[in-house]
Amino acid sequence: MSKMPLFFIAVVAVIIVAASFRFVQQRRQNAENDAAPVMERSVLVATKRESPTTDRRSRQRQVTPVEDIMRYEVWFRPQSGGLELKMRVTAEQYHSMSVGDKGMLQYKGTRFVGFIPE
C-alpha cells in the first residue's frame, strides 16, 4: 500500500523538476535576447507557414467553437550562404512578405525585429 503514494510522489517530483528547468531555460533565453545587439543580414524569404495553435480537442471545438489563434513562421535563407533562420512573426508582418522576397532581416538574438525588402 505504501508503494502507490511513493510512486505518485516520485512522478510529481519529476514533473516539478522538468517544469522548473523549462521555466529557467525560457528566462535565460529571454535575458540573452534582451542583451543581444540588433543584427542585420541580407536574406531571401525561403518559406512561410501559418498554423492554428488551439489547445482544444475536436469535441471541445464542436461544442463551443472559438476563433483559431494562428502562429506565423517565416524561414529566411542568407544570401551569402549559411543556415536558414526560422522566425515567428505577427500576422501583419507575415502577410507583407512573399516567398522569394530579398531584403535585410533585423533580429535580436532569436527574436525577429523587422524585414526591410529591397
PDB file of N, CA and C in Angstrom:
ATOM      1  N   MET A   1       0.801  -1.180   0.000  1.00  0.00           N
ATOM      2  CA  MET A   1       0.000   0.000   0.000  1.00  0.00           C
ATOM      3  C   MET A   1       0.859   1.266   0.000  1.00  0.00           C
ATOM      4  N   SER A   2       2.037   1.189   0.516  1.00  0.00           N
ATOM      5  CA  SER A   2       2.887   2.372   0.561  1.00  0.00           C
ATOM      6  C   SER A   2       3.588   2.618  -0.766  1.00  0.00           C
ATOM      7  N   LYS A   3       3.569   1.641  -1.684  1.00  0.00           N
ATOM      8  CA  LYS A   3       4.232   1.823  -2.974  1.00  0.00           C
ATOM      9  C   LYS A   3       3.492   2.821  -3.852  1.00  0.00           C
ATOM     10  N   MET A   4       2.171   2.833  -3.818  1.00  0.00           N
ATOM     11  CA  MET A   4       1.413   3.740  -4.667  1.00  0.00           C
ATOM     12  C   MET A   4       1.650   5.201  -4.305  1.00  0.00           C
ATOM     13  N   PRO A   5       1.534   5.618  -3.047  1.00  0.00           N
ATOM     14  CA  PRO A   5       1.821   7.022  -2.726  1.00  0.00           C
ATOM     15  C   PRO A   5       3.276   7.400  -3.010  1.00  0.00           C
ATOM     16  N   LEU A   6       4.194   6.495  -2.791  1.00  0.00           N
ATOM     17  CA  LEU A   6       5.598   6.780  -3.082  1.00  0.00           C
ATOM     18  C   LEU A   6       5.811   6.980  -4.575  1.00  0.00           C
ATOM     19  N   PHE A   7       5.184   6.154  -5.390  1.00  0.00           N
ATOM     20  CA  PHE A   7       5.269   6.289  -6.846  1.00  0.00           C
ATOM     21  C   PHE A   7       4.659   7.611  -7.292  1.00  0.00           C
ATOM     22  N   PHE A   8       3.514   7.959  -6.740  1.00  0.00           N
ATOM     23  CA  PHE A   8       2.836   9.210  -7.070  1.00  0.00           C
ATOM     24  C   PHE A   8       3.705  10.416  -6.712  1.00  0.00           C
ATOM     25  N   ILE A   9       4.324  10.382  -5.559  1.00  0.00           N
ATOM     26  CA  ILE A   9       5.204  11.479  -5.129  1.00  0.00           C
ATOM     27  C   ILE A   9       6.411  11.589  -6.062  1.00  0.00           C
ATOM     28  N   ALA A  10       6.964  10.465  -6.481  1.00  0.00           N
ATOM     29  CA  ALA A  10       8.107  10.482  -7.396  1.00  0.00           C
ATOM     30  C   ALA A  10       7.721  11.087  -8.745  1.00  0.00           C
ATOM     31  N   VAL A  11       6.550  10.738  -9.269  1.00  0.00           N
ATOM     32  CA  VAL A  11       6.090  11.279 -10.547  1.00  0.00           C
ATOM     33  C   VAL A  11       5.868  12.782 -10.434  1.00  0.00           C
ATOM     34  N   VAL A  12       5.256  13.228  -9.382  1.00  0.00           N
ATOM     35  CA  VAL A  12       5.022  14.656  -9.174  1.00  0.00           C
ATOM     36  C   VAL A  12       6.353  15.401  -9.052  1.00  0.00           C
ATOM     37  N   ALA A  13       7.311  14.829  -8.395  1.00  0.00           N
ATOM     38  CA  ALA A  13       8.627  15.459  -8.256  1.00  0.00           C
ATOM     39  C   ALA A  13       9.319  15.595  -9.608  1.00  0.00           C
ATOM     40  N   VAL A  14       9.232  14.567 -10.434  1.00  0.00           N
ATOM     41  CA  VAL A  14       9.836  14.631 -11.774  1.00  0.00           C
ATOM     42  C   VAL A  14       9.168  15.711 -12.612  1.00  0.00           C
ATOM     43  N   ILE A  15       7.860  15.816 -12.533  1.00  0.00           N
ATOM     44  CA  ILE A  15       7.136  16.849 -13.278  1.00  0.00           C
ATOM     45  C   ILE A  15       7.539  18.237 -12.807  1.00  0.00           C
ATOM     46  N   ILE A  16       7.663  18.432 -11.524  1.00  0.00           N
ATOM     47  CA  ILE A  16       8.049  19.731 -10.977  1.00  0.00           C
ATOM     48  C   ILE A  16       9.471  20.104 -11.406  1.00  0.00           C
ATOM     49  N   VAL A  17      10.379  19.152 -11.366  1.00  0.00           N
ATOM     50  CA  VAL A  17      11.766  19.418 -11.781  1.00  0.00           C
ATOM     51  C   VAL A  17      11.813  19.770 -13.267  1.00  0.00           C
ATOM     52  N   ALA A  18      11.091  19.043 -14.104  1.00  0.00           N
ATOM     53  CA  ALA A  18      11.089  19.312 -15.545  1.00  0.00           C
ATOM     54  C   ALA A  18      10.478  20.681 -15.840  1.00  0.00           C
ATOM     55  N   ALA A  19       9.397  21.022 -15.166  1.00  0.00           N
ATOM     56  CA  ALA A  19       8.753  22.319 -15.382  1.00  0.00           C
ATOM     57  C   ALA A  19       9.649  23.467 -14.932  1.00  0.00           C
ATOM     58  N   SER A  20      10.306  23.312 -13.806  1.00  0.00           N
ATOM     59  CA  SER A  20      11.186  24.385 -13.340  1.00  0.00           C
ATOM     60  C   SER A  20      12.403  24.540 -14.243  1.00  0.00           C
ATOM     61  N   PHE A  21      12.925  23.440 -14.781  1.00  0.00           N
ATOM     62  CA  PHE A  21      14.043  23.511 -15.722  1.00  0.00           C
ATOM     63  C   PHE A  21      13.635  24.276 -16.972  1.00  0.00           C
ATOM     64  N   ARG A  22      12.443  23.982 -17.499  1.00  0.00           N
ATOM     65  CA  ARG A  22      11.957  24.671 -18.708  1.00  0.00           C
ATOM     66  C   ARG A  22      11.730  26.152 -18.424  1.00  0.00           C
ATOM     67  N   PHE A  23      11.199  26.484 -17.258  1.00  0.00           N
ATOM     68  CA  PHE A  23      10.974  27.878 -16.878  1.00  0.00           C
ATOM     69  C   PHE A  23      12.286  28.641 -16.825  1.00  0.00           C
ATOM     70  N   VAL A  24      13.291  28.066 -16.207  1.00  0.00           N
ATOM     71  CA  VAL A  24      14.604  28.716 -16.112  1.00  0.00           C
ATOM     72  C   VAL A  24      15.221  28.865 -17.504  1.00  0.00           C
ATOM     73  N   GLN A  25      15.058  27.862 -18.347  1.00  0.00           N
ATOM     74  CA  GLN A  25      15.595  27.912 -19.709  1.00  0.00           C
ATOM     75  C   GLN A  25      14.940  29.054 -20.506  1.00  0.00           C
ATOM     76  N   GLN A  26      13.623  29.227 -20.386  1.00  0.00           N
ATOM     77  CA  GLN A  26      12.939  30.320 -21.082  1.00  0.00           C
ATOM     78  C   GLN A  26      13.381  31.681 -20.557  1.00  0.00           C
ATOM     79  N   ARG A  27      13.543  31.811 -19.248  1.00  0.00           N
ATOM     80  CA  ARG A  27      14.010  33.074 -18.682  1.00  0.00           C
ATOM     81  C   ARG A  27      15.415  33.415 -19.177  1.00  0.00           C
ATOM     82  N   ARG A  28      16.284  32.408 -19.252  1.00  0.00           N
ATOM     83  CA  ARG A  28      17.649  32.617 -19.729  1.00  0.00           C
ATOM     84  C   ARG A  28      17.642  33.062 -21.196  1.00  0.00           C
ATOM     85  N   GLN A  29      16.799  32.432 -22.028  1.00  0.00           N
ATOM     86  CA  GLN A  29      16.719  32.792 -23.447  1.00  0.00           C
ATOM     87  C   GLN A  29      16.201  34.225 -23.614  1.00  0.00           C
ATOM     88  N   ASN A  30      15.206  34.611 -22.835  1.00  0.00           N
ATOM     89  CA  ASN A  30      14.698  35.979 -22.902  1.00  0.00           C
ATOM     90  C   ASN A  30      15.758  36.991 -22.467  1.00  0.00           C
ATOM     91  N   ALA A  31      16.531  36.665 -21.453  1.00  0.00           N
ATOM     92  CA  ALA A  31      17.598  37.563 -21.000  1.00  0.00           C
ATOM     93  C   ALA A  31      18.676  37.697 -22.079  1.00  0.00           C
ATOM     94  N   GLU A  32      19.028  36.580 -22.740  1.00  0.00           N
ATOM     95  CA  GLU A  32      20.016  36.636 -23.817  1.00  0.00           C
ATOM     96  C   GLU A  32      19.505  37.472 -24.981  1.00  0.00           C
ATOM     97  N   ASN A  33      18.232  37.329 -25.335  1.00  0.00           N
ATOM     98  CA  ASN A  33      17.657  38.126 -26.419  1.00  0.00           C
ATOM     99  C   ASN A  33      17.657  39.611 -26.073  1.00  0.00           C
ATOM    100  N   ASP A  34      17.340  39.949 -24.823  1.00  0.00           N
ATOM    101  CA  ASP A  34      17.336  41.347 -24.419  1.00  0.00           C
ATOM    102  C   ASP A  34      18.735  41.953 -24.449  1.00  0.00           C
ATOM    103  N   ALA A  35      19.753  41.167 -24.115  1.00  0.00           N
ATOM    104  CA  ALA A  35      21.122  41.669 -24.050  1.00  0.00           C
ATOM    105  C   ALA A  35      21.810  41.670 -25.420  1.00  0.00           C
ATOM    106  N   ALA A  36      21.291  40.942 -26.383  1.00  0.00           N
ATOM    107  CA  ALA A  36      21.943  40.823 -27.697  1.00  0.00           C
ATOM    108  C   ALA A  36      21.781  42.114 -28.498  1.00  0.00           C
ATOM    109  N   PRO A  37      22.784  42.440 -29.321  1.00  0.00           N
ATOM    110  CA  PRO A  37      22.654  43.616 -30.192  1.00  0.00           C
ATOM    111  C   PRO A  37      21.749  43.292 -31.382  1.00  0.00           C
ATOM    112  N   VAL A  38      21.180  44.319 -31.997  1.00  0.00           N
ATOM    113  CA  VAL A  38      20.356  44.120 -33.193  1.00  0.00           C
ATOM    114  C   VAL A  38      21.286  43.796 -34.353  1.00  0.00           C
ATOM    115  N   MET A  39      21.059  42.638 -34.980  1.00  0.00           N
ATOM    116  CA  MET A  39      21.881  42.188 -36.103  1.00  0.00           C
ATOM    117  C   MET A  39      21.108  42.392 -37.400  1.00  0.00           C
ATOM    118  N   GLU A  40      21.838  42.625 -38.488  1.00  0.00           N
ATOM    119  CA  GLU A  40      21.232  42.737 -39.818  1.00  0.00           C
ATOM    120  C   GLU A  40      21.910  41.749 -40.734  1.00  0.00           C
ATOM    121  N   ARG A  41      21.120  41.133 -41.599  1.00  0.00           N
ATOM    122  CA  ARG A  41      21.656  40.150 -42.535  1.00  0.00           C
ATOM    123  C   ARG A  41      20.844  40.216 -43.818  1.00  0.00           C
ATOM    124  N   SER A  42      21.532  40.151 -44.948  1.00  0.00           N
ATOM    125  CA  SER A  42      20.882  40.130 -46.251  1.00  0.00           C
ATOM    126  C   SER A  42      20.335  38.724 -46.496  1.00  0.00           C
ATOM    127  N   VAL A  43      19.012  38.616 -46.676  1.00  0.00           N
ATOM    128  CA  VAL A  43      18.370  37.309 -46.747  1.00  0.00           C
ATOM    129  C   VAL A  43      17.356  37.235 -47.881  1.00  0.00           C
ATOM    130  N   LEU A  44      16.896  36.014 -48.091  1.00  0.00           N
ATOM    131  CA  LEU A  44      15.839  35.702 -49.035  1.00  0.00           C
ATOM    132  C   LEU A  44      14.747  34.981 -48.242  1.00  0.00           C
ATOM    133  N   VAL A  45      13.480  35.348 -48.453  1.00  0.00           N
ATOM    134  CA  VAL A  45      12.383  34.656 -47.776  1.00  0.00           C
ATOM    135  C   VAL A  45      12.232  33.292 -48.438  1.00  0.00           C
ATOM    136  N   ALA A  46      12.568  32.225 -47.707  1.00  0.00           N
ATOM    137  CA  ALA A  46      12.582  30.877 -48.271  1.00  0.00           C
ATOM    138  C   ALA A  46      11.224  30.194 -48.166  1.00  0.00           C
ATOM    139  N   THR A  47      10.604  30.227 -47.003  1.00  0.00           N
ATOM    140  CA  THR A  47       9.350  29.515 -46.764  1.00  0.00           C
ATOM    141  C   THR A  47       8.518  30.284 -45.753  1.00  0.00           C
ATOM    142  N   LYS A  48       7.204  30.166 -45.904  1.00  0.00           N
ATOM    143  CA  LYS A  48       6.274  30.748 -44.935  1.00  0.00           C
ATOM    144  C   LYS A  48       5.311  29.656 -44.497  1.00  0.00           C
ATOM    145  N   ARG A  49       4.882  29.721 -43.229  1.00  0.00           N
ATOM    146  CA  ARG A  49       3.917  28.745 -42.744  1.00  0.00           C
ATOM    147  C   ARG A  49       3.037  29.383 -41.682  1.00  0.00           C
ATOM    148  N   GLU A  50       1.748  29.136 -41.788  1.00  0.00           N
ATOM    149  CA  GLU A  50       0.824  29.555 -40.743  1.00  0.00           C
ATOM    150  C   GLU A  50       0.076  28.317 -40.267  1.00  0.00           C
ATOM    151  N   SER A  51      -0.090  28.219 -38.967  1.00  0.00           N
ATOM    152  CA  SER A  51      -0.755  27.050 -38.406  1.00  0.00           C
ATOM    153  C   SER A  51      -1.579  27.462 -37.197  1.00  0.00           C
ATOM    154  N   PRO A  52      -2.727  26.814 -37.004  1.00  0.00           N
ATOM    155  CA  PRO A  52      -3.541  27.140 -35.828  1.00  0.00           C
ATOM    156  C   PRO A  52      -2.894  26.617 -34.559  1.00  0.00           C
ATOM    157  N   THR A  53      -3.063  27.345 -33.491  1.00  0.00           N
ATOM    158  CA  THR A  53      -2.460  26.938 -32.220  1.00  0.00           C
ATOM    159  C   THR A  53      -3.521  26.783 -31.152  1.00  0.00           C
ATOM    160  N   THR A  54      -4.584  26.076 -31.482  1.00  0.00           N
ATOM    161  CA  THR A  54      -5.617  25.854 -30.484  1.00  0.00           C
ATOM    162  C   THR A  54      -5.194  24.713 -29.576  1.00  0.00           C
ATOM    163  N   ASP A  55      -5.570  24.821 -28.323  1.00  0.00           N
ATOM    164  CA  ASP A  55      -5.253  23.764 -27.374  1.00  0.00           C
ATOM    165  C   ASP A  55      -6.500  22.947 -27.044  1.00  0.00           C
ATOM    166  N   ARG A  56      -7.536  23.133 -27.843  1.00  0.00           N
ATOM    167  CA  ARG A  56      -8.765  22.392 -27.604  1.00  0.00           C
ATOM    168  C   ARG A  56      -8.807  21.135 -28.454  1.00  0.00           C
ATOM    169  N   ARG A  57      -9.498  20.155 -27.966  1.00  0.00           N
ATOM    170  CA  ARG A  57      -9.698  18.927 -28.722  1.00  0.00           C
ATOM    171  C   ARG A  57     -10.873  19.114 -29.670  1.00  0.00           C
ATOM    172  N   SER A  58     -11.035  18.212 -30.630  1.00  0.00           N
ATOM    173  CA  SER A  58     -12.064  18.375 -31.643  1.00  0.00           C
ATOM    174  C   SER A  58     -13.465  18.443 -31.031  1.00  0.00           C
ATOM    175  N   ARG A  59     -13.738  17.663 -30.019  1.00  0.00           N
ATOM    176  CA  ARG A  59     -15.061  17.684 -29.381  1.00  0.00           C
ATOM    177  C   ARG A  59     -15.310  19.029 -28.720  1.00  0.00           C
ATOM    178  N   GLN A  60     -14.308  19.602 -28.092  1.00  0.00           N
ATOM    179  CA  GLN A  60     -14.473  20.900 -27.447  1.00  0.00           C
ATOM    180  C   GLN A  60     -14.733  21.993 -28.476  1.00  0.00           C
ATOM    181  N   ARG A  61     -14.131  21.889 -29.669  1.00  0.00           N
ATOM    182  CA  ARG A  61     -14.366  22.876 -30.716  1.00  0.00           C
ATOM    183  C   ARG A  61     -15.781  22.770 -31.267  1.00  0.00           C
ATOM    184  N   GLN A  62     -16.342  21.551 -31.288  1.00  0.00           N
ATOM    185  CA  GLN A  62     -17.704  21.376 -31.791  1.00  0.00           C
ATOM    186  C   GLN A  62     -18.721  21.972 -30.827  1.00  0.00           C
ATOM    187  N   VAL A  63     -18.485  21.828 -29.551  1.00  0.00           N
ATOM    188  CA  VAL A  63     -19.427  22.319 -28.546  1.00  0.00           C
ATOM    189  C   VAL A  63     -19.383  23.835 -28.462  1.00  0.00           C
ATOM    190  N   THR A  64     -18.213  24.401 -28.326  1.00  0.00           N
ATOM    191  CA  THR A  64     -18.054  25.851 -28.244  1.00  0.00           C
ATOM    192  C   THR A  64     -16.976  26.282 -29.231  1.00  0.00           C
ATOM    193  N   PRO A  65     -17.356  26.572 -30.475  1.00  0.00           N
ATOM    194  CA  PRO A  65     -16.342  26.979 -31.449  1.00  0.00           C
ATOM    195  C   PRO A  65     -15.723  28.322 -31.069  1.00  0.00           C
ATOM    196  N   VAL A  66     -14.432  28.401 -31.228  1.00  0.00           N
ATOM    197  CA  VAL A  66     -13.723  29.637 -30.928  1.00  0.00           C
ATOM    198  C   VAL A  66     -12.911  30.042 -32.138  1.00  0.00           C
ATOM    199  N   GLU A  67     -12.515  31.276 -32.151  1.00  0.00           N
ATOM    200  CA  GLU A  67     -11.661  31.767 -33.220  1.00  0.00           C
ATOM    201  C   GLU A  67     -10.281  31.147 -33.058  1.00  0.00           C
ATOM    202  N   ASP A  68      -9.777  30.555 -34.139  1.00  0.00           N
ATOM    203  CA  ASP A  68      -8.460  29.935 -34.071  1.00  0.00           C
ATOM    204  C   ASP A  68      -7.386  31.005 -33.970  1.00  0.00           C
ATOM    205  N   ILE A  69      -6.457  30.786 -33.071  1.00  0.00           N
ATOM    206  CA  ILE A  69      -5.293  31.651 -32.949  1.00  0.00           C
ATOM    207  C   ILE A  69      -4.235  31.066 -33.866  1.00  0.00           C
ATOM    208  N   MET A  70      -3.689  31.893 -34.735  1.00  0.00           N
ATOM    209  CA  MET A  70      -2.724  31.404 -35.721  1.00  0.00           C
ATOM    210  C   MET A  70      -1.302  31.736 -35.286  1.00  0.00           C
ATOM    211  N   ARG A  71      -0.379  30.846 -35.641  1.00  0.00           N
ATOM    212  CA  ARG A  71       1.042  31.060 -35.419  1.00  0.00           C
ATOM    213  C   ARG A  71       1.669  31.245 -36.802  1.00  0.00           C
ATOM    214  N   TYR A  72       2.422  32.314 -36.966  1.00  0.00           N
ATOM    215  CA  TYR A  72       3.046  32.639 -38.249  1.00  0.00           C
ATOM    216  C   TYR A  72       4.549  32.473 -38.134  1.00  0.00           C
ATOM    217  N   GLU A  73       5.127  31.658 -39.032  1.00  0.00           N
ATOM    218  CA  GLU A  73       6.571  31.421 -39.040  1.00  0.00           C
ATOM    219  C   GLU A  73       7.108  31.651 -40.449  1.00  0.00           C
ATOM    220  N   VAL A  74       8.293  32.248 -40.508  1.00  0.00           N
ATOM    221  CA  VAL A  74       8.947  32.521 -41.787  1.00  0.00           C
ATOM    222  C   VAL A  74      10.387  32.029 -41.693  1.00  0.00           C
ATOM    223  N   TRP A  75      10.844  31.329 -42.747  1.00  0.00           N
ATOM    224  CA  TRP A  75      12.222  30.872 -42.832  1.00  0.00           C
ATOM    225  C   TRP A  75      12.964  31.806 -43.783  1.00  0.00           C
ATOM    226  N   PHE A  76      14.107  32.302 -43.328  1.00  0.00           N
ATOM    227  CA  PHE A  76      14.955  33.199 -44.114  1.00  0.00           C
ATOM    228  C   PHE A  76      16.249  32.476 -44.468  1.00  0.00           C
ATOM    229  N   ARG A  77      16.652  32.560 -45.740  1.00  0.00           N
ATOM    230  CA  ARG A  77      17.898  31.957 -46.201  1.00  0.00           C
ATOM    231  C   ARG A  77      18.909  33.076 -46.466  1.00  0.00           C
ATOM    232  N   PRO A  78      20.051  33.073 -45.772  1.00  0.00           N
ATOM    233  CA  PRO A  78      21.068  34.112 -46.007  1.00  0.00           C
ATOM    234  C   PRO A  78      21.561  34.075 -47.452  1.00  0.00           C
ATOM    235  N   GLN A  79      21.721  35.243 -48.072  1.00  0.00           N
ATOM    236  CA  GLN A  79      22.185  35.309 -49.458  1.00  0.00           C
ATOM    237  C   GLN A  79      23.661  34.961 -49.575  1.00  0.00           C
ATOM    238  N   SER A  80      24.398  35.126 -48.487  1.00  0.00           N
ATOM    239  CA  SER A  80      25.824  34.810 -48.520  1.00  0.00           C
ATOM    240  C   SER A  80      26.089  33.360 -48.145  1.00  0.00           C
ATOM    241  N   GLY A  81      25.045  32.570 -47.944  1.00  0.00           N
ATOM    242  CA  GLY A  81      25.212  31.172 -47.553  1.00  0.00           C
ATOM    243  C   GLY A  81      25.079  31.020 -46.050  1.00  0.00           C
ATOM    244  N   GLY A  82      24.819  29.834 -45.638  1.00  0.00           N
ATOM    245  CA  GLY A  82      24.663  29.565 -44.216  1.00  0.00           C
ATOM    246  C   GLY A  82      23.344  28.874 -43.941  1.00  0.00           C
ATOM    247  N   LEU A  83      23.053  28.696 -42.679  1.00  0.00           N
ATOM    248  CA  LEU A  83      21.832  28.009 -42.272  1.00  0.00           C
ATOM    249  C   LEU A  83      20.624  28.929 -42.338  1.00  0.00           C
ATOM    250  N   GLU A  84      19.457  28.345 -42.613  1.00  0.00           N
ATOM    251  CA  GLU A  84      18.227  29.119 -42.620  1.00  0.00           C
ATOM    252  C   GLU A  84      17.853  29.519 -41.197  1.00  0.00           C
ATOM    253  N   LEU A  85      17.251  30.692 -41.076  1.00  0.00           N
ATOM    254  CA  LEU A  85      16.793  31.202 -39.790  1.00  0.00           C
ATOM    255  C   LEU A  85      15.272  31.133 -39.754  1.00  0.00           C
ATOM    256  N   LYS A  86      14.720  30.528 -38.713  1.00  0.00           N
ATOM    257  CA  LYS A  86      13.265  30.465 -38.547  1.00  0.00           C
ATOM    258  C   LYS A  86      12.866  31.507 -37.520  1.00  0.00           C
ATOM    259  N   MET A  87      11.933  32.378 -37.910  1.00  0.00           N
ATOM    260  CA  MET A  87      11.470  33.439 -37.016  1.00  0.00           C
ATOM    261  C   MET A  87       9.956  33.392 -36.920  1.00  0.00           C
ATOM    262  N   ARG A  88       9.438  33.632 -35.728  1.00  0.00           N
ATOM    263  CA  ARG A  88       7.996  33.764 -35.530  1.00  0.00           C
ATOM    264  C   ARG A  88       7.650  35.237 -35.672  1.00  0.00           C
ATOM    265  N   VAL A  89       6.644  35.540 -36.501  1.00  0.00           N
ATOM    266  CA  VAL A  89       6.275  36.923 -36.803  1.00  0.00           C
ATOM    267  C   VAL A  89       4.789  37.137 -36.533  1.00  0.00           C
ATOM    268  N   THR A  90       4.363  38.409 -36.577  1.00  0.00           N
ATOM    269  CA  THR A  90       2.944  38.740 -36.404  1.00  0.00           C
ATOM    270  C   THR A  90       2.220  38.539 -37.732  1.00  0.00           C
ATOM    271  N   ALA A  91       0.894  38.560 -37.686  1.00  0.00           N
ATOM    272  CA  ALA A  91       0.090  38.356 -38.899  1.00  0.00           C
ATOM    273  C   ALA A  91       0.364  39.459 -39.922  1.00  0.00           C
ATOM    274  N   GLU A  92       0.475  40.698 -39.469  1.00  0.00           N
ATOM    275  CA  GLU A  92       0.733  41.818 -40.372  1.00  0.00           C
ATOM    276  C   GLU A  92       2.082  41.649 -41.082  1.00  0.00           C
ATOM    277  N   GLN A  93       3.111  41.292 -40.328  1.00  0.00           N
ATOM    278  CA  GLN A  93       4.437  41.090 -40.915  1.00  0.00           C
ATOM    279  C   GLN A  93       4.417  39.906 -41.871  1.00  0.00           C
ATOM    280  N   TYR A  94       3.712  38.843 -41.503  1.00  0.00           N
ATOM    281  CA  TYR A  94       3.635  37.629 -42.320  1.00  0.00           C
ATOM    282  C   TYR A  94       3.012  37.927 -43.681  1.00  0.00           C
ATOM    283  N   HIS A  95       1.914  38.671 -43.677  1.00  0.00           N
ATOM    284  CA  HIS A  95       1.206  38.939 -44.921  1.00  0.00           C
ATOM    285  C   HIS A  95       1.909  39.979 -45.792  1.00  0.00           C
ATOM    286  N   SER A  96       2.829  40.741 -45.216  1.00  0.00           N
ATOM    287  CA  SER A  96       3.556  41.728 -46.014  1.00  0.00           C
ATOM    288  C   SER A  96       4.740  41.107 -46.765  1.00  0.00           C
ATOM    289  N   MET A  97       5.090  39.856 -46.452  1.00  0.00           N
ATOM    290  CA  MET A  97       6.213  39.166 -47.109  1.00  0.00           C
ATOM    291  C   MET A  97       5.691  38.134 -48.095  1.00  0.00           C
ATOM    292  N   SER A  98       6.499  37.876 -49.120  1.00  0.00           N
ATOM    293  CA  SER A  98       6.200  36.813 -50.078  1.00  0.00           C
ATOM    294  C   SER A  98       7.428  35.925 -50.209  1.00  0.00           C
ATOM    295  N   VAL A  99       7.199  34.657 -50.525  1.00  0.00           N
ATOM    296  CA  VAL A  99       8.319  33.747 -50.742  1.00  0.00           C
ATOM    297  C   VAL A  99       9.114  34.257 -51.942  1.00  0.00           C
ATOM    298  N   GLY A 100      10.422  34.364 -51.785  1.00  0.00           N
ATOM    299  CA  GLY A 100      11.296  34.863 -52.837  1.00  0.00           C
ATOM    300  C   GLY A 100      11.706  36.311 -52.644  1.00  0.00           C
ATOM    301  N   ASP A 101      11.090  37.026 -51.718  1.00  0.00           N
ATOM    302  CA  ASP A 101      11.481  38.417 -51.448  1.00  0.00           C
ATOM    303  C   ASP A 101      12.903  38.461 -50.909  1.00  0.00           C
ATOM    304  N   LYS A 102      13.651  39.467 -51.349  1.00  0.00           N
ATOM    305  CA  LYS A 102      15.002  39.695 -50.840  1.00  0.00           C
ATOM    306  C   LYS A 102      14.983  40.972 -50.020  1.00  0.00           C
ATOM    307  N   GLY A 103      15.845  41.030 -49.013  1.00  0.00           N
ATOM    308  CA  GLY A 103      15.914  42.213 -48.190  1.00  0.00           C
ATOM    309  C   GLY A 103      16.828  42.030 -46.999  1.00  0.00           C
ATOM    310  N   MET A 104      16.714  42.953 -46.054  1.00  0.00           N
ATOM    311  CA  MET A 104      17.533  42.922 -44.845  1.00  0.00           C
ATOM    312  C   MET A 104      16.678  42.437 -43.676  1.00  0.00           C
ATOM    313  N   LEU A 105      17.141  41.380 -43.039  1.00  0.00           N
ATOM    314  CA  LEU A 105      16.495  40.848 -41.846  1.00  0.00           C
ATOM    315  C   LEU A 105      17.160  41.483 -40.633  1.00  0.00           C
ATOM    316  N   GLN A 106      16.349  42.000 -39.736  1.00  0.00           N
ATOM    317  CA  GLN A 106      16.850  42.544 -38.476  1.00  0.00           C
ATOM    318  C   GLN A 106      16.357  41.636 -37.368  1.00  0.00           C
ATOM    319  N   TYR A 107      17.281  41.172 -36.540  1.00  0.00           N
ATOM    320  CA  TYR A 107      16.910  40.284 -35.440  1.00  0.00           C
ATOM    321  C   TYR A 107      17.795  40.559 -34.237  1.00  0.00           C
ATOM    322  N   LYS A 108      17.284  40.159 -33.082  1.00  0.00           N
ATOM    323  CA  LYS A 108      17.984  40.391 -31.817  1.00  0.00           C
ATOM    324  C   LYS A 108      18.010  39.056 -31.090  1.00  0.00           C
ATOM    325  N   GLY A 109      19.137  38.371 -31.147  1.00  0.00           N
ATOM    326  CA  GLY A 109      19.230  37.025 -30.586  1.00  0.00           C
ATOM    327  C   GLY A 109      18.422  36.071 -31.450  1.00  0.00           C
ATOM    328  N   THR A 110      17.357  35.520 -30.898  1.00  0.00           N
ATOM    329  CA  THR A 110      16.454  34.670 -31.675  1.00  0.00           C
ATOM    330  C   THR A 110      15.119  35.366 -31.914  1.00  0.00           C
ATOM    331  N   ARG A 111      15.040  36.638 -31.611  1.00  0.00           N
ATOM    332  CA  ARG A 111      13.805  37.413 -31.715  1.00  0.00           C
ATOM    333  C   ARG A 111      13.781  38.232 -33.002  1.00  0.00           C
ATOM    334  N   PHE A 112      12.687  38.149 -33.762  1.00  0.00           N
ATOM    335  CA  PHE A 112      12.503  38.905 -35.002  1.00  0.00           C
ATOM    336  C   PHE A 112      12.271  40.358 -34.665  1.00  0.00           C
ATOM    337  N   VAL A 113      12.988  41.272 -35.371  1.00  0.00           N
ATOM    338  CA  VAL A 113      12.797  42.700 -35.186  1.00  0.00           C
ATOM    339  C   VAL A 113      12.090  43.299 -36.397  1.00  0.00           C
ATOM    340  N   GLY A 114      12.594  42.980 -37.606  1.00  0.00           N
ATOM    341  CA  GLY A 114      11.971  43.534 -38.803  1.00  0.00           C
ATOM    342  C   GLY A 114      12.572  42.974 -40.069  1.00  0.00           C
ATOM    343  N   PHE A 115      11.876  43.223 -41.186  1.00  0.00           N
ATOM    344  CA  PHE A 115      12.346  42.826 -42.505  1.00  0.00           C
ATOM    345  C   PHE A 115      12.133  44.001 -43.435  1.00  0.00           C
ATOM    346  N   ILE A 116      13.230  44.468 -44.052  1.00  0.00           N
ATOM    347  CA  ILE A 116      13.174  45.601 -44.970  1.00  0.00           C
ATOM    348  C   ILE A 116      13.428  45.062 -46.373  1.00  0.00           C
ATOM    349  N   PRO A 117      12.365  44.998 -47.238  1.00  0.00           N
ATOM    350  CA  PRO A 117      12.556  44.465 -48.587  1.00  0.00           C
ATOM    351  C   PRO A 117      13.400  45.392 -49.433  1.00  0.00           C
ATOM    352  N   GLU A 118      14.072  44.794 -50.431  1.00  0.00           N
ATOM    353  CA  GLU A 118      14.900  45.605 -51.345  1.00  0.00           C
ATOM    354  C   GLU A 118      14.031  46.305 -52.360  1.00  0.00           C
TER     355      GLU A 118
END
